[in-house]
Amino acid sequence: ELASLRQFYSPFFLGLSNDRPAGCVGLRQETLE
């Protein structure tokens, strides 16, 4: 998953606090619905 992050998630979000990386989350398609 780490090696192919862009293929696993669309999109993947980065959370920033005062411009410092602070968190993350992804959306993954399971089915069309």
PDB file of all heavy atoms in Angstrom:
ATOM      1  N   GLU A   1       0.827  -1.208   0.000  1.00  0.00           N
ATOM      2  CA  GLU A   1       0.000   0.000   0.000  1.00  0.00           C
ATOM      3  C   GLU A   1       0.862   1.258   0.000  1.00  0.00           C
ATOM      4  O   GLU A   1       0.615   2.195  -0.755  1.00  0.00           O
ATOM      5  CB  GLU A   1      -0.902  -0.035   1.233  1.00  0.00           C
ATOM      6  CG  GLU A   1      -1.872   1.087   1.330  1.00  0.00           C
ATOM      7  CD  GLU A   1      -2.770   0.942   2.545  1.00  0.00           C
ATOM      8  OE1 GLU A   1      -3.144  -0.197   2.915  1.00  0.00           O
ATOM      9  OE2 GLU A   1      -3.108   1.985   3.134  1.00  0.00           O
ATOM     10  N   LEU A   2       1.890   1.288   0.834  1.00  0.00           N
ATOM     11  CA  LEU A   2       2.778   2.449   0.894  1.00  0.00           C
ATOM     12  C   LEU A   2       3.491   2.689  -0.431  1.00  0.00           C
ATOM     13  O   LEU A   2       3.667   3.825  -0.854  1.00  0.00           O
ATOM     14  CB  LEU A   2       3.822   2.263   1.999  1.00  0.00           C
ATOM     15  CG  LEU A   2       3.422   2.680   3.390  1.00  0.00           C
ATOM     16  CD1 LEU A   2       4.478   2.247   4.400  1.00  0.00           C
ATOM     17  CD2 LEU A   2       3.204   4.175   3.476  1.00  0.00           C
ATOM     18  N   ALA A   3       3.901   1.601  -1.067  1.00  0.00           N
ATOM     19  CA  ALA A   3       4.643   1.714  -2.323  1.00  0.00           C
ATOM     20  C   ALA A   3       3.773   2.232  -3.459  1.00  0.00           C
ATOM     21  O   ALA A   3       4.284   2.830  -4.405  1.00  0.00           O
ATOM     22  CB  ALA A   3       5.248   0.366  -2.691  1.00  0.00           C
ATOM     23  N   SER A   4       2.483   1.993  -3.385  1.00  0.00           N
ATOM     24  CA  SER A   4       1.596   2.395  -4.493  1.00  0.00           C
ATOM     25  C   SER A   4       0.406   3.203  -3.982  1.00  0.00           C
ATOM     26  O   SER A   4      -0.739   2.944  -4.332  1.00  0.00           O
ATOM     27  CB  SER A   4       1.140   1.162  -5.266  1.00  0.00           C
ATOM     28  OG  SER A   4       0.637   0.180  -4.388  1.00  0.00           O
ATOM     29  N   LEU A   5       0.699   4.201  -3.167  1.00  0.00           N
ATOM     30  CA  LEU A   5      -0.321   5.022  -2.528  1.00  0.00           C
ATOM     31  C   LEU A   5      -1.306   5.628  -3.534  1.00  0.00           C
ATOM     32  O   LEU A   5      -2.516   5.613  -3.322  1.00  0.00           O
ATOM     33  CB  LEU A   5       0.366   6.131  -1.725  1.00  0.00           C
ATOM     34  CG  LEU A   5      -0.471   6.928  -0.758  1.00  0.00           C
ATOM     35  CD1 LEU A   5      -1.043   6.045   0.335  1.00  0.00           C
ATOM     36  CD2 LEU A   5       0.356   8.038  -0.145  1.00  0.00           C
ATOM     37  N   ARG A   6      -0.797   6.129  -4.638  1.00  0.00           N
ATOM     38  CA  ARG A   6      -1.674   6.769  -5.636  1.00  0.00           C
ATOM     39  C   ARG A   6      -2.627   5.771  -6.289  1.00  0.00           C
ATOM     40  O   ARG A   6      -3.713   6.150  -6.710  1.00  0.00           O
ATOM     41  CB  ARG A   6      -0.848   7.472  -6.704  1.00  0.00           C
ATOM     42  CG  ARG A   6      -0.141   8.700  -6.190  1.00  0.00           C
ATOM     43  CD  ARG A   6       0.582   9.402  -7.326  1.00  0.00           C
ATOM     44  NE  ARG A   6       1.514  10.385  -6.872  1.00  0.00           N
ATOM     45  CZ  ARG A   6       1.303  11.688  -6.951  1.00  0.00           C
ATOM     46  NH1 ARG A   6       0.194  12.149  -7.453  1.00  0.00           N
ATOM     47  NH2 ARG A   6       2.221  12.526  -6.531  1.00  0.00           N
ATOM     48  N   GLN A   7      -2.238   4.516  -6.378  1.00  0.00           N
ATOM     49  CA  GLN A   7      -3.117   3.509  -6.964  1.00  0.00           C
ATOM     50  C   GLN A   7      -4.146   3.009  -5.950  1.00  0.00           C
ATOM     51  O   GLN A   7      -5.236   2.600  -6.330  1.00  0.00           O
ATOM     52  CB  GLN A   7      -2.317   2.318  -7.504  1.00  0.00           C
ATOM     53  CG  GLN A   7      -1.529   2.619  -8.760  1.00  0.00           C
ATOM     54  CD  GLN A   7      -0.272   3.437  -8.477  1.00  0.00           C
ATOM     55  OE1 GLN A   7       0.410   3.238  -7.486  1.00  0.00           O
ATOM     56  NE2 GLN A   7       0.009   4.386  -9.362  1.00  0.00           N
ATOM     57  N   PHE A   8      -3.814   3.039  -4.677  1.00  0.00           N
ATOM     58  CA  PHE A   8      -4.726   2.557  -3.640  1.00  0.00           C
ATOM     59  C   PHE A   8      -5.841   3.554  -3.343  1.00  0.00           C
ATOM     60  O   PHE A   8      -6.960   3.153  -3.036  1.00  0.00           O
ATOM     61  CB  PHE A   8      -3.958   2.274  -2.334  1.00  0.00           C
ATOM     62  CG  PHE A   8      -3.577   0.851  -2.165  1.00  0.00           C
ATOM     63  CD1 PHE A   8      -2.532   0.311  -2.882  1.00  0.00           C
ATOM     64  CD2 PHE A   8      -4.264   0.035  -1.296  1.00  0.00           C
ATOM     65  CE1 PHE A   8      -2.173  -1.020  -2.731  1.00  0.00           C
ATOM     66  CE2 PHE A   8      -3.919  -1.291  -1.119  1.00  0.00           C
ATOM     67  CZ  PHE A   8      -2.869  -1.820  -1.852  1.00  0.00           C
ATOM     68  N   TYR A   9      -5.521   4.848  -3.389  1.00  0.00           N
ATOM     69  CA  TYR A   9      -6.469   5.872  -2.960  1.00  0.00           C
ATOM     70  C   TYR A   9      -6.641   6.957  -4.006  1.00  0.00           C
ATOM     71  O   TYR A   9      -5.677   7.416  -4.589  1.00  0.00           O
ATOM     72  CB  TYR A   9      -5.987   6.516  -1.651  1.00  0.00           C
ATOM     73  CG  TYR A   9      -5.828   5.509  -0.557  1.00  0.00           C
ATOM     74  CD1 TYR A   9      -4.572   5.069  -0.170  1.00  0.00           C
ATOM     75  CD2 TYR A   9      -6.936   4.966   0.065  1.00  0.00           C
ATOM     76  CE1 TYR A   9      -4.429   4.116   0.819  1.00  0.00           C
ATOM     77  CE2 TYR A   9      -6.804   4.008   1.059  1.00  0.00           C
ATOM     78  CZ  TYR A   9      -5.557   3.592   1.433  1.00  0.00           C
ATOM     79  OH  TYR A   9      -5.414   2.644   2.401  1.00  0.00           O
ATOM     80  N   SER A  10      -7.862   7.372  -4.142  1.00  0.00           N
ATOM     81  CA  SER A  10      -8.149   8.501  -5.019  1.00  0.00           C
ATOM     82  C   SER A  10      -9.393   9.200  -4.494  1.00  0.00           C
ATOM     83  O   SER A  10     -10.506   8.714  -4.687  1.00  0.00           O
ATOM     84  CB  SER A  10      -8.364   8.039  -6.457  1.00  0.00           C
ATOM     85  OG  SER A  10      -8.603   9.164  -7.276  1.00  0.00           O
ATOM     86  N   PRO A  11      -9.182  10.269  -3.795  1.00  0.00           N
ATOM     87  CA  PRO A  11      -7.934  10.955  -3.473  1.00  0.00           C
ATOM     88  C   PRO A  11      -7.372  10.509  -2.126  1.00  0.00           C
ATOM     89  O   PRO A  11      -8.016   9.781  -1.379  1.00  0.00           O
ATOM     90  CB  PRO A  11      -8.363  12.415  -3.399  1.00  0.00           C
ATOM     91  CG  PRO A  11      -9.763  12.347  -2.868  1.00  0.00           C
ATOM     92  CD  PRO A  11     -10.361  11.087  -3.456  1.00  0.00           C
ATOM     93  N   PHE A  12      -6.162  11.011  -1.849  1.00  0.00           N
ATOM     94  CA  PHE A  12      -5.550  10.881  -0.534  1.00  0.00           C
ATOM     95  C   PHE A  12      -5.341  12.306  -0.044  1.00  0.00           C
ATOM     96  O   PHE A  12      -4.919  13.176  -0.813  1.00  0.00           O
ATOM     97  CB  PHE A  12      -4.217  10.135  -0.604  1.00  0.00           C
ATOM     98  CG  PHE A  12      -3.782   9.588   0.731  1.00  0.00           C
ATOM     99  CD1 PHE A  12      -4.296   8.393   1.202  1.00  0.00           C
ATOM    100  CD2 PHE A  12      -2.876  10.272   1.525  1.00  0.00           C
ATOM    101  CE1 PHE A  12      -3.918   7.888   2.444  1.00  0.00           C
ATOM    102  CE2 PHE A  12      -2.490   9.778   2.769  1.00  0.00           C
ATOM    103  CZ  PHE A  12      -3.014   8.575   3.221  1.00  0.00           C
ATOM    104  N   PHE A  13      -5.655  12.557   1.221  1.00  0.00           N
ATOM    105  CA  PHE A  13      -5.585  13.904   1.779  1.00  0.00           C
ATOM    106  C   PHE A  13      -4.494  13.996   2.828  1.00  0.00           C
ATOM    107  O   PHE A  13      -4.253  13.053   3.580  1.00  0.00           O
ATOM    108  CB  PHE A  13      -6.918  14.289   2.428  1.00  0.00           C
ATOM    109  CG  PHE A  13      -8.043  14.428   1.448  1.00  0.00           C
ATOM    110  CD1 PHE A  13      -8.910  13.370   1.225  1.00  0.00           C
ATOM    111  CD2 PHE A  13      -8.239  15.612   0.746  1.00  0.00           C
ATOM    112  CE1 PHE A  13      -9.958  13.491   0.330  1.00  0.00           C
ATOM    113  CE2 PHE A  13      -9.278  15.735  -0.154  1.00  0.00           C
ATOM    114  CZ  PHE A  13     -10.140  14.670  -0.372  1.00  0.00           C
ATOM    115  N   LEU A  14      -3.890  15.162   2.880  1.00  0.00           N
ATOM    116  CA  LEU A  14      -2.863  15.483   3.857  1.00  0.00           C
ATOM    117  C   LEU A  14      -3.404  16.595   4.740  1.00  0.00           C
ATOM    118  O   LEU A  14      -3.919  17.600   4.238  1.00  0.00           O
ATOM    119  CB  LEU A  14      -1.596  15.943   3.134  1.00  0.00           C
ATOM    120  CG  LEU A  14      -0.386  16.332   3.962  1.00  0.00           C
ATOM    121  CD1 LEU A  14       0.115  15.150   4.780  1.00  0.00           C
ATOM    122  CD2 LEU A  14       0.717  16.850   3.051  1.00  0.00           C
ATOM    123  N   GLY A  15      -3.328  16.413   6.054  1.00  0.00           N
ATOM    124  CA  GLY A  15      -3.731  17.442   6.999  1.00  0.00           C
ATOM    125  C   GLY A  15      -2.505  18.188   7.482  1.00  0.00           C
ATOM    126  O   GLY A  15      -1.481  17.582   7.807  1.00  0.00           O
ATOM    127  N   LEU A  16      -2.616  19.496   7.524  1.00  0.00           N
ATOM    128  CA  LEU A  16      -1.506  20.348   7.930  1.00  0.00           C
ATOM    129  C   LEU A  16      -1.912  21.199   9.121  1.00  0.00           C
ATOM    130  O   LEU A  16      -3.056  21.665   9.185  1.00  0.00           O
ATOM    131  CB  LEU A  16      -1.089  21.270   6.786  1.00  0.00           C
ATOM    132  CG  LEU A  16      -0.723  20.591   5.466  1.00  0.00           C
ATOM    133  CD1 LEU A  16      -0.643  21.618   4.348  1.00  0.00           C
ATOM    134  CD2 LEU A  16       0.584  19.842   5.611  1.00  0.00           C
ATOM    135  N   SER A  17      -0.988  21.411  10.031  1.00  0.00           N
ATOM    136  CA  SER A  17      -1.179  22.348  11.123  1.00  0.00           C
ATOM    137  C   SER A  17      -0.018  23.326  11.061  1.00  0.00           C
ATOM    138  O   SER A  17       1.142  22.918  11.174  1.00  0.00           O
ATOM    139  CB  SER A  17      -1.193  21.620  12.464  1.00  0.00           C
ATOM    140  OG  SER A  17      -1.299  22.557  13.525  1.00  0.00           O
ATOM    141  N   ASN A  18      -0.356  24.588  10.829  1.00  0.00           N
ATOM    142  CA  ASN A  18       0.679  25.605  10.633  1.00  0.00           C
ATOM    143  C   ASN A  18       1.704  25.133   9.599  1.00  0.00           C
ATOM    144  O   ASN A  18       2.910  25.234   9.798  1.00  0.00           O
ATOM    145  CB  ASN A  18       1.360  25.975  11.952  1.00  0.00           C
ATOM    146  CG  ASN A  18       0.403  26.642  12.911  1.00  0.00           C
ATOM    147  OD1 ASN A  18      -0.569  27.271  12.496  1.00  0.00           O
ATOM    148  ND2 ASN A  18       0.657  26.494  14.196  1.00  0.00           N
ATOM    149  N   ASP A  19       1.188  24.556   8.516  1.00  0.00           N
ATOM    150  CA  ASP A  19       1.978  24.072   7.379  1.00  0.00           C
ATOM    151  C   ASP A  19       2.853  22.859   7.693  1.00  0.00           C
ATOM    152  O   ASP A  19       3.694  22.483   6.888  1.00  0.00           O
ATOM    153  CB  ASP A  19       2.832  25.195   6.776  1.00  0.00           C
ATOM    154  CG  ASP A  19       1.978  26.309   6.200  1.00  0.00           C
ATOM    155  OD1 ASP A  19       0.927  25.995   5.610  1.00  0.00           O
ATOM    156  OD2 ASP A  19       2.353  27.487   6.360  1.00  0.00           O
ATOM    157  N   ARG A  20       2.660  22.233   8.838  1.00  0.00           N
ATOM    158  CA  ARG A  20       3.411  21.019   9.200  1.00  0.00           C
ATOM    159  C   ARG A  20       2.527  19.807   8.985  1.00  0.00           C
ATOM    160  O   ARG A  20       1.356  19.807   9.381  1.00  0.00           O
ATOM    161  CB  ARG A  20       3.850  21.086  10.657  1.00  0.00           C
ATOM    162  CG  ARG A  20       4.897  22.154  10.906  1.00  0.00           C
ATOM    163  CD  ARG A  20       5.269  22.299  12.379  1.00  0.00           C
ATOM    164  NE  ARG A  20       5.614  21.027  12.993  1.00  0.00           N
ATOM    165  CZ  ARG A  20       5.392  20.762  14.277  1.00  0.00           C
ATOM    166  NH1 ARG A  20       4.824  21.643  15.072  1.00  0.00           N
ATOM    167  NH2 ARG A  20       5.732  19.592  14.778  1.00  0.00           N
ATOM    168  N   PRO A  21       3.051  18.739   8.366  1.00  0.00           N
ATOM    169  CA  PRO A  21       2.253  17.518   8.180  1.00  0.00           C
ATOM    170  C   PRO A  21       1.767  16.988   9.529  1.00  0.00           C
ATOM    171  O   PRO A  21       2.558  16.782  10.447  1.00  0.00           O
ATOM    172  CB  PRO A  21       3.222  16.537   7.531  1.00  0.00           C
ATOM    173  CG  PRO A  21       4.258  17.407   6.886  1.00  0.00           C
ATOM    174  CD  PRO A  21       4.390  18.609   7.794  1.00  0.00           C
ATOM    175  N   ALA A  22       0.446  16.826   9.640  1.00  0.00           N
ATOM    176  CA  ALA A  22      -0.138  16.476  10.926  1.00  0.00           C
ATOM    177  C   ALA A  22      -1.094  15.290  10.859  1.00  0.00           C
ATOM    178  O   ALA A  22      -1.368  14.667  11.875  1.00  0.00           O
ATOM    179  CB  ALA A  22      -0.873  17.691  11.503  1.00  0.00           C
ATOM    180  N   GLY A  23      -1.608  14.974   9.682  1.00  0.00           N
ATOM    181  CA  GLY A  23      -2.567  13.881   9.568  1.00  0.00           C
ATOM    182  C   GLY A  23      -2.823  13.519   8.126  1.00  0.00           C
ATOM    183  O   GLY A  23      -2.377  14.205   7.201  1.00  0.00           O
ATOM    184  N   CYS A  24      -3.564  12.422   7.938  1.00  0.00           N
ATOM    185  CA  CYS A  24      -3.864  11.964   6.593  1.00  0.00           C
ATOM    186  C   CYS A  24      -5.109  11.088   6.597  1.00  0.00           C
ATOM    187  O   CYS A  24      -5.557  10.628   7.641  1.00  0.00           O
ATOM    188  CB  CYS A  24      -2.689  11.190   6.002  1.00  0.00           C
ATOM    189  SG  CYS A  24      -2.248   9.689   6.925  1.00  0.00           S
ATOM    190  N   VAL A  25      -5.650  10.869   5.407  1.00  0.00           N
ATOM    191  CA  VAL A  25      -6.788   9.969   5.212  1.00  0.00           C
ATOM    192  C   VAL A  25      -6.931   9.721   3.715  1.00  0.00           C
ATOM    193  O   VAL A  25      -6.559  10.562   2.900  1.00  0.00           O
ATOM    194  CB  VAL A  25      -8.094  10.546   5.795  1.00  0.00           C
ATOM    195  CG1 VAL A  25      -8.577  11.769   5.035  1.00  0.00           C
ATOM    196  CG2 VAL A  25      -9.183   9.485   5.879  1.00  0.00           C
ATOM    197  N   GLY A  26      -7.476   8.565   3.371  1.00  0.00           N
ATOM    198  CA  GLY A  26      -7.680   8.243   1.966  1.00  0.00           C
ATOM    199  C   GLY A  26      -9.091   7.787   1.678  1.00  0.00           C
ATOM    200  O   GLY A  26      -9.822   7.354   2.572  1.00  0.00           O
ATOM    201  N   LEU A  27      -9.465   7.883   0.413  1.00  0.00           N
ATOM    202  CA  LEU A  27     -10.728   7.366  -0.088  1.00  0.00           C
ATOM    203  C   LEU A  27     -10.392   6.288  -1.103  1.00  0.00           C
ATOM    204  O   LEU A  27      -9.613   6.514  -2.029  1.00  0.00           O
ATOM    205  CB  LEU A  27     -11.549   8.468  -0.754  1.00  0.00           C
ATOM    206  CG  LEU A  27     -12.858   8.047  -1.419  1.00  0.00           C
ATOM    207  CD1 LEU A  27     -13.823   7.427  -0.424  1.00  0.00           C
ATOM    208  CD2 LEU A  27     -13.498   9.238  -2.122  1.00  0.00           C
ATOM    209  N   ARG A  28     -10.987   5.130  -0.913  1.00  0.00           N
ATOM    210  CA  ARG A  28     -10.733   3.984  -1.794  1.00  0.00           C
ATOM    211  C   ARG A  28     -12.054   3.518  -2.378  1.00  0.00           C
ATOM    212  O   ARG A  28     -13.054   3.407  -1.678  1.00  0.00           O
ATOM    213  CB  ARG A  28     -10.077   2.868  -0.998  1.00  0.00           C
ATOM    214  CG  ARG A  28      -9.705   1.674  -1.848  1.00  0.00           C
ATOM    215  CD  ARG A  28      -8.885   0.692  -1.031  1.00  0.00           C
ATOM    216  NE  ARG A  28      -8.725  -0.528  -1.768  1.00  0.00           N
ATOM    217  CZ  ARG A  28      -7.636  -0.865  -2.427  1.00  0.00           C
ATOM    218  NH1 ARG A  28      -6.593  -0.088  -2.415  1.00  0.00           N
ATOM    219  NH2 ARG A  28      -7.567  -2.000  -3.092  1.00  0.00           N
ATOM    220  N   GLN A  29     -12.041   3.232  -3.673  1.00  0.00           N
ATOM    221  CA  GLN A  29     -13.243   2.717  -4.332  1.00  0.00           C
ATOM    222  C   GLN A  29     -13.371   1.226  -4.057  1.00  0.00           C
ATOM    223  O   GLN A  29     -12.449   0.457  -4.297  1.00  0.00           O
ATOM    224  CB  GLN A  29     -13.176   2.944  -5.835  1.00  0.00           C
ATOM    225  CG  GLN A  29     -14.404   2.449  -6.548  1.00  0.00           C
ATOM    226  CD  GLN A  29     -14.370   2.698  -8.049  1.00  0.00           C
ATOM    227  OE1 GLN A  29     -13.323   3.001  -8.620  1.00  0.00           O
ATOM    228  NE2 GLN A  29     -15.508   2.582  -8.682  1.00  0.00           N
ATOM    229  N   GLU A  30     -14.530   0.836  -3.527  1.00  0.00           N
ATOM    230  CA  GLU A  30     -14.839  -0.578  -3.342  1.00  0.00           C
ATOM    231  C   GLU A  30     -15.648  -1.085  -4.531  1.00  0.00           C
ATOM    232  O   GLU A  30     -15.341  -2.135  -5.082  1.00  0.00           O
ATOM    233  CB  GLU A  30     -15.595  -0.794  -2.033  1.00  0.00           C
ATOM    234  CG  GLU A  30     -14.738  -0.571  -0.802  1.00  0.00           C
ATOM    235  CD  GLU A  30     -13.560  -1.522  -0.723  1.00  0.00           C
ATOM    236  OE1 GLU A  30     -13.727  -2.743  -0.920  1.00  0.00           O
ATOM    237  OE2 GLU A  30     -12.444  -1.037  -0.457  1.00  0.00           O
ATOM    238  N   THR A  31     -16.702  -0.376  -4.876  1.00  0.00           N
ATOM    239  CA  THR A  31     -17.526  -0.662  -6.051  1.00  0.00           C
ATOM    240  C   THR A  31     -17.911   0.679  -6.652  1.00  0.00           C
ATOM    241  O   THR A  31     -17.548   1.733  -6.112  1.00  0.00           O
ATOM    242  CB  THR A  31     -18.821  -1.447  -5.682  1.00  0.00           C
ATOM    243  OG1 THR A  31     -19.692  -0.570  -4.953  1.00  0.00           O
ATOM    244  CG2 THR A  31     -18.513  -2.696  -4.866  1.00  0.00           C
ATOM    245  N   LEU A  32     -18.677   0.663  -7.716  1.00  0.00           N
ATOM    246  CA  LEU A  32     -19.133   1.927  -8.294  1.00  0.00           C
ATOM    247  C   LEU A  32     -20.023   2.699  -7.325  1.00  0.00           C
ATOM    248  O   LEU A  32     -20.105   3.921  -7.400  1.00  0.00           O
ATOM    249  CB  LEU A  32     -19.888   1.676  -9.601  1.00  0.00           C
ATOM    250  CG  LEU A  32     -19.034   1.195 -10.772  1.00  0.00           C
ATOM    251  CD1 LEU A  32     -19.914   0.885 -11.979  1.00  0.00           C
ATOM    252  CD2 LEU A  32     -17.967   2.213 -11.128  1.00  0.00           C
ATOM    253  N   GLU A  33     -20.675   1.997  -6.417  1.00  0.00           N
ATOM    254  CA  GLU A  33     -21.597   2.631  -5.481  1.00  0.00           C
ATOM    255  C   GLU A  33     -21.009   2.864  -4.097  1.00  0.00           C
ATOM    256  O   GLU A  33     -21.562   3.615  -3.303  1.00  0.00           O
ATOM    257  CB  GLU A  33     -22.865   1.774  -5.305  1.00  0.00           C
ATOM    258  CG  GLU A  33     -23.688   1.586  -6.555  1.00  0.00           C
ATOM    259  CD  GLU A  33     -23.172   0.448  -7.439  1.00  0.00           C
ATOM    260  OE1 GLU A  33     -22.474  -0.454  -6.930  1.00  0.00           O
ATOM    261  OE2 GLU A  33     -23.459   0.477  -8.653  1.00  0.00           O
TER     262      GLU A  33
END
